[in-house]
Amino acid sequence: MCPSLSGDPTPSESIFKGMNDAGIDFVVSVPCANLKELIPMVDEAPDIIHLPVTREEEGVGICAGAYMGGKRPAMLMQNSGLGNSINALASLNMLYDIPLLMIMSHRGVEGEPIVAQVPMGELTTKLLDTMDIPYFIPEKDIDPAELIGKAWSEASAKKRPVAVLLPIPFWRKQ
């Protein structure tokens, strides 16, 4: 982990702190360039079980099982994986009231260099709205760590998936 030059926490450090503060103790991850610093933090954390997965819907199922086993699950993923996981979220988490914190790198928005990411980037909030999945987006002057805590609190209270969307400009602060 490379500390920021300013001494302020990097975006990945802030998200990791929020996960720790929220008591997240089980994490699945699907690789994404924007998550490249966060995933090793989770992997090395002694109080978090980390399981890399190959597809998001696989992660949804594994996190549901972890929740049933008493864990506080989160999934690190790219927003394009939301499309892969819609059926699992609807027919498992939403049907059986299983909370899940989805921490998403939101590709396909401002600053996106890969045109193929744009369609799903534009559809992500519409899909979340359609599925009635609450989502949080970091705003200036709001600590991302607090955002993670609020998102987990809502997921836990409502017993349903909640997303935190972290757009490209958020990651550029690293």
Foldseek 3Di string as FASTA:
>chain_A
DDADPVNDGALLRLQLLLCVVLQQAEEEEADDPLCVVNLVVQVPDPRHHYHYDHAVLVVLVVQQVVVVVPGQYEYEEALVRCVVNVVSQVVPQVVVLAFYEYEHEQELDPPHPDPVSNVSSVCRVVVCVVVVAAEAEDDPPDRVSVVSNVQSVVSVVRSHYHYYYYYPVSSVRD
